[in-house]
Protein backbone atom coordinates (compact mmCIF):
# COMPACT_ATOMS: atom_id res chain seq x y z
CA UNK A 1 4.28 61.19 -0.40
CA UNK A 2 5.77 63.02 -3.39
CA UNK A 3 6.09 59.99 -5.63
CA UNK A 4 3.98 59.33 -8.69
CA UNK A 5 3.62 56.76 -11.41
CA UNK A 6 2.46 56.79 -14.99
CA UNK A 7 0.77 53.50 -15.83
CA UNK A 8 0.00 52.43 -19.37
CA UNK A 9 -2.09 49.37 -20.15
CA UNK A 10 -1.47 48.39 -23.76
CA UNK A 11 -4.07 46.16 -25.34
CA UNK A 12 -4.26 44.48 -28.71
CA UNK A 13 -6.39 46.01 -31.45
CA UNK A 14 -5.28 43.48 -34.03
CA UNK A 15 -1.76 42.57 -32.91
CA UNK A 16 -0.92 39.15 -31.52
CA UNK A 17 0.84 39.00 -28.16
CA UNK A 18 4.19 37.96 -29.76
CA UNK A 19 3.87 40.93 -32.15
CA UNK A 20 3.17 43.21 -29.22
CA UNK A 21 6.25 41.95 -27.41
CA UNK A 22 8.35 42.42 -30.53
CA UNK A 23 7.07 45.99 -30.93
CA UNK A 24 7.89 46.72 -27.30
CA UNK A 25 11.42 45.30 -27.50
CA UNK A 26 12.39 46.78 -30.89
CA UNK A 27 10.49 50.04 -30.92
CA UNK A 28 9.16 51.15 -27.55
CA UNK A 29 12.44 50.39 -25.77
CA UNK A 30 14.15 53.10 -27.83
CA UNK A 31 11.49 55.60 -26.76
CA UNK A 32 12.09 54.77 -23.08
CA UNK A 33 15.88 54.52 -23.38
CA UNK A 34 16.76 57.14 -20.74
CA UNK A 35 14.10 55.88 -18.27
CA UNK A 36 15.29 52.29 -18.68
CA UNK A 37 18.88 53.31 -18.04
CA UNK A 38 17.74 55.22 -14.93
CA UNK A 39 15.89 52.16 -13.67
CA UNK A 40 12.56 54.01 -13.43
CA UNK A 41 10.55 51.97 -15.93
CA UNK A 42 9.22 48.42 -15.62
CA UNK A 43 7.50 46.30 -18.25
CA UNK A 44 5.00 43.49 -17.70
CA UNK A 45 2.96 41.03 -19.75
CA UNK A 46 -0.45 39.99 -18.42
CA UNK A 47 -1.21 36.34 -17.74
CA UNK A 48 -3.87 34.86 -20.01
CA UNK A 49 -4.73 38.27 -21.53
CA UNK A 50 -3.25 40.05 -24.56
CA UNK A 51 -2.11 43.06 -22.59
CA UNK A 52 1.16 44.71 -21.63
CA UNK A 53 1.73 47.13 -18.77
CA UNK A 54 4.39 49.82 -18.53
CA UNK A 55 5.04 51.46 -15.14
CA UNK A 56 7.16 54.62 -15.02
CA UNK A 57 8.08 56.09 -11.62
CA UNK A 58 8.17 59.90 -11.37
CA UNK A 59 9.58 61.95 -8.46
CA UNK A 60 7.22 64.86 -9.17
CA UNK A 61 4.16 65.63 -11.23
CA UNK A 62 3.16 69.20 -11.99
CA UNK A 63 0.76 68.74 -14.87
CA UNK A 64 0.08 65.17 -15.98
CA UNK A 65 -0.39 66.13 -19.62
CA UNK A 66 3.15 67.50 -19.60
CA UNK A 67 4.64 64.29 -18.23
CA UNK A 68 3.01 61.83 -20.65
CA UNK A 69 5.89 59.52 -21.70
CA UNK A 70 4.05 58.76 -24.97
CA UNK A 71 3.23 62.35 -25.85
CA UNK A 72 5.82 62.47 -28.63
CA UNK A 73 5.31 58.87 -29.76
CA UNK A 74 2.95 57.64 -32.47
CA UNK A 75 1.37 54.44 -31.16
CA UNK A 76 0.45 51.89 -33.86
CA UNK A 77 -3.27 51.78 -34.71
CA UNK A 78 -3.27 48.05 -33.97
CA UNK A 79 -2.79 48.86 -30.25
CA UNK A 80 -5.02 50.50 -27.67
CA UNK A 81 -3.31 52.43 -24.86
CA UNK A 82 -4.99 53.39 -21.59
CA UNK A 83 -3.03 55.76 -19.41
CA UNK A 84 -3.40 56.90 -15.83
CA UNK A 85 -1.38 58.93 -13.34
CA UNK A 86 -1.38 58.10 -9.65
CA UNK A 87 0.21 59.34 -6.42
CA UNK A 88 1.82 57.01 -3.91
CA UNK A 89 -0.01 56.88 -0.56
CA UNK A 90 1.43 53.78 1.13
CA UNK A 91 4.33 51.35 0.78
CA UNK A 92 5.04 48.04 2.47
CA UNK A 93 8.08 45.80 2.01
CA UNK A 94 8.71 42.32 3.26
CA UNK A 95 11.08 42.23 6.24
CA UNK A 96 14.70 42.12 5.27
CA UNK A 97 16.53 43.57 2.31
CA UNK A 98 14.50 43.40 -0.86
CA UNK A 99 15.38 44.33 -4.40
CA UNK A 100 12.16 44.89 -6.41
CA UNK A 101 13.91 43.53 -9.50
CA UNK A 102 13.73 40.11 -7.83
CA UNK A 103 9.91 40.15 -7.88
CA UNK A 104 8.81 38.91 -11.28
CA UNK A 105 5.07 38.90 -10.61
CA UNK A 106 2.90 42.01 -10.47
CA UNK A 107 -0.63 41.69 -9.09
CA UNK A 108 -2.61 44.83 -9.90
CA UNK A 109 -5.83 45.56 -7.97
CA UNK A 110 -7.96 48.65 -8.57
CA UNK A 111 -11.13 49.78 -6.82
CA UNK A 112 -13.64 52.57 -7.44
CA UNK A 113 -14.13 53.59 -3.80
CA UNK A 114 -16.96 56.01 -2.95
CA UNK A 115 -15.79 59.06 -0.99
CA UNK A 116 -17.72 58.10 2.14
CA UNK A 117 -15.90 54.76 2.36
CA UNK A 118 -12.40 55.93 1.41
CA UNK A 119 -10.89 56.44 4.87
CA UNK A 120 -12.18 53.19 6.32
CA UNK A 121 -11.19 51.27 3.17
CA UNK A 122 -7.61 52.58 3.49
CA UNK A 123 -7.59 51.66 7.19
CA UNK A 124 -8.69 48.10 6.46
CA UNK A 125 -6.33 47.61 3.52
CA UNK A 126 -3.24 48.94 5.27
CA UNK A 127 -3.80 47.79 8.86
CA UNK A 128 -5.50 44.42 8.44
CA UNK A 129 -5.32 43.11 4.89
CA UNK A 130 -1.70 43.82 4.03
CA UNK A 131 -0.23 42.70 7.40
CA UNK A 132 -2.10 39.40 7.05
CA UNK A 133 -0.94 38.63 3.52
CA UNK A 134 2.63 39.64 4.41
CA UNK A 135 2.78 36.66 6.74
CA UNK A 136 3.54 34.88 3.44
CA UNK A 137 7.16 35.42 2.38
CA UNK A 138 6.31 35.57 -1.33
CA UNK A 139 4.67 38.98 -0.95
CA UNK A 140 7.68 41.21 -1.42
CA UNK A 141 6.41 44.75 -1.84
CA UNK A 142 3.11 46.61 -2.10
CA UNK A 143 2.60 50.18 -3.26
CA UNK A 144 -0.81 51.81 -2.96
CA UNK A 145 -1.78 54.80 -5.06
CA UNK A 146 -4.60 57.28 -5.41
CA UNK A 147 -5.45 57.71 -9.09
CA UNK A 148 -5.41 61.41 -9.90
CA UNK A 149 -5.96 61.48 -13.67
CA UNK A 150 -6.81 59.19 -16.57
CA UNK A 151 -6.95 59.67 -20.29
CA UNK A 152 -10.24 59.47 -22.16
CA UNK A 153 -9.50 55.88 -23.26
CA UNK A 154 -9.64 54.71 -19.62
CA UNK A 155 -13.31 54.03 -19.11
CA UNK A 156 -13.21 52.70 -15.54
CA UNK A 157 -13.91 54.83 -12.51
CA UNK A 158 -11.14 53.37 -10.35
CA UNK A 159 -9.84 55.64 -7.60
CA UNK A 160 -7.52 53.37 -5.59
CA UNK A 161 -4.74 51.22 -7.05
CA UNK A 162 -2.55 48.61 -5.36
CA UNK A 163 0.50 47.17 -7.08
CA UNK A 164 1.63 43.99 -5.31
CA UNK A 165 5.04 42.56 -6.22
CA UNK A 166 5.54 38.84 -5.57
CA UNK A 167 8.57 36.59 -5.85
CA UNK A 168 6.52 33.41 -6.39
CA UNK A 169 3.06 32.73 -7.84
CA UNK A 170 2.39 30.48 -4.84
CA UNK A 171 1.70 33.66 -2.91
CA UNK A 172 -1.53 34.12 -4.86
CA UNK A 173 -2.88 30.84 -3.45
CA UNK A 174 -1.28 31.08 -0.03
CA UNK A 175 -3.19 30.25 3.19
CA UNK A 176 -2.35 33.73 4.44
CA UNK A 177 -4.19 35.34 1.52
CA UNK A 178 -7.16 33.03 1.96
CA UNK A 179 -7.34 33.92 5.67
CA UNK A 180 -7.18 37.63 4.85
CA UNK A 181 -10.22 37.20 2.62
CA UNK A 182 -12.33 35.63 5.38
CA UNK A 183 -12.21 38.26 8.11
CA UNK A 184 -15.37 39.99 9.39
CA UNK A 185 -14.00 43.35 8.29
CA UNK A 186 -13.47 42.15 4.72
CA UNK A 187 -16.89 40.50 4.72
CA UNK A 188 -18.29 43.94 5.37
CA UNK A 189 -16.77 45.13 2.10
CA UNK A 190 -18.13 42.17 0.17
CA UNK A 191 -21.60 43.56 0.86
CA UNK A 192 -20.75 46.68 -1.12
CA UNK A 193 -21.43 46.45 -4.88
CA UNK A 194 -18.43 48.65 -5.74
CA UNK A 195 -16.05 46.32 -3.89
CA UNK A 196 -17.03 43.35 -6.05
CA UNK A 197 -16.33 45.29 -9.23
CA UNK A 198 -12.61 45.58 -8.58
CA UNK A 199 -10.20 45.15 -11.50
CA UNK A 200 -7.56 42.48 -10.93
CA UNK A 201 -4.78 41.43 -13.28
CA UNK A 202 -1.69 39.27 -12.88
CA UNK A 203 1.40 40.28 -14.86
CA UNK A 204 4.85 38.80 -15.34
CA UNK A 205 7.85 41.08 -15.52
CA UNK A 206 9.58 41.25 -18.86
CA UNK A 207 12.87 43.09 -19.22
CA UNK A 208 13.23 46.10 -21.48
CA UNK A 209 16.67 46.89 -22.79
CA UNK A 210 17.41 50.09 -24.76
């Protein structure tokens, strides 16, 4: 699939969360003006963590360092920015017409999957795990990516990223999700140390207007 994203996780290095939001709305929005108008950028605020996330969709990616949306922008020293570029490998949408703008919750899950487990992990995730959780109507869209490059500030070794878009937080405590976490196949993964070191964050969509 020739679709890519640039993902920036913006953490506080002295700013409060309200100050970060003010900086995003008054400063960063101008920098992303054309992307916002094109509908290719989404902004999120993490739940219970002083962190923002910016997701920019890209139709092509020749050299990641040439497509860095912040390359010409001076980020304040009171913020830490971790960037990564990833290629879309799988997409699932809830049955029926769905507008992603209606999903205000982003559940981000990243794994550092060893090469020898990669194919089976993808098979499990796409053919068992996702179909089971999509029995719950609140799971609106999932996009899975293979991380292809990170900046030096990104210290994790994650290789696989899933961005789950939900219309209601109840989906994160749904019986369907609980059942998907109790299958024999998933229990196999729980035995792997790398599986239990996944990075999970819940974000809430926040609009950016240029």
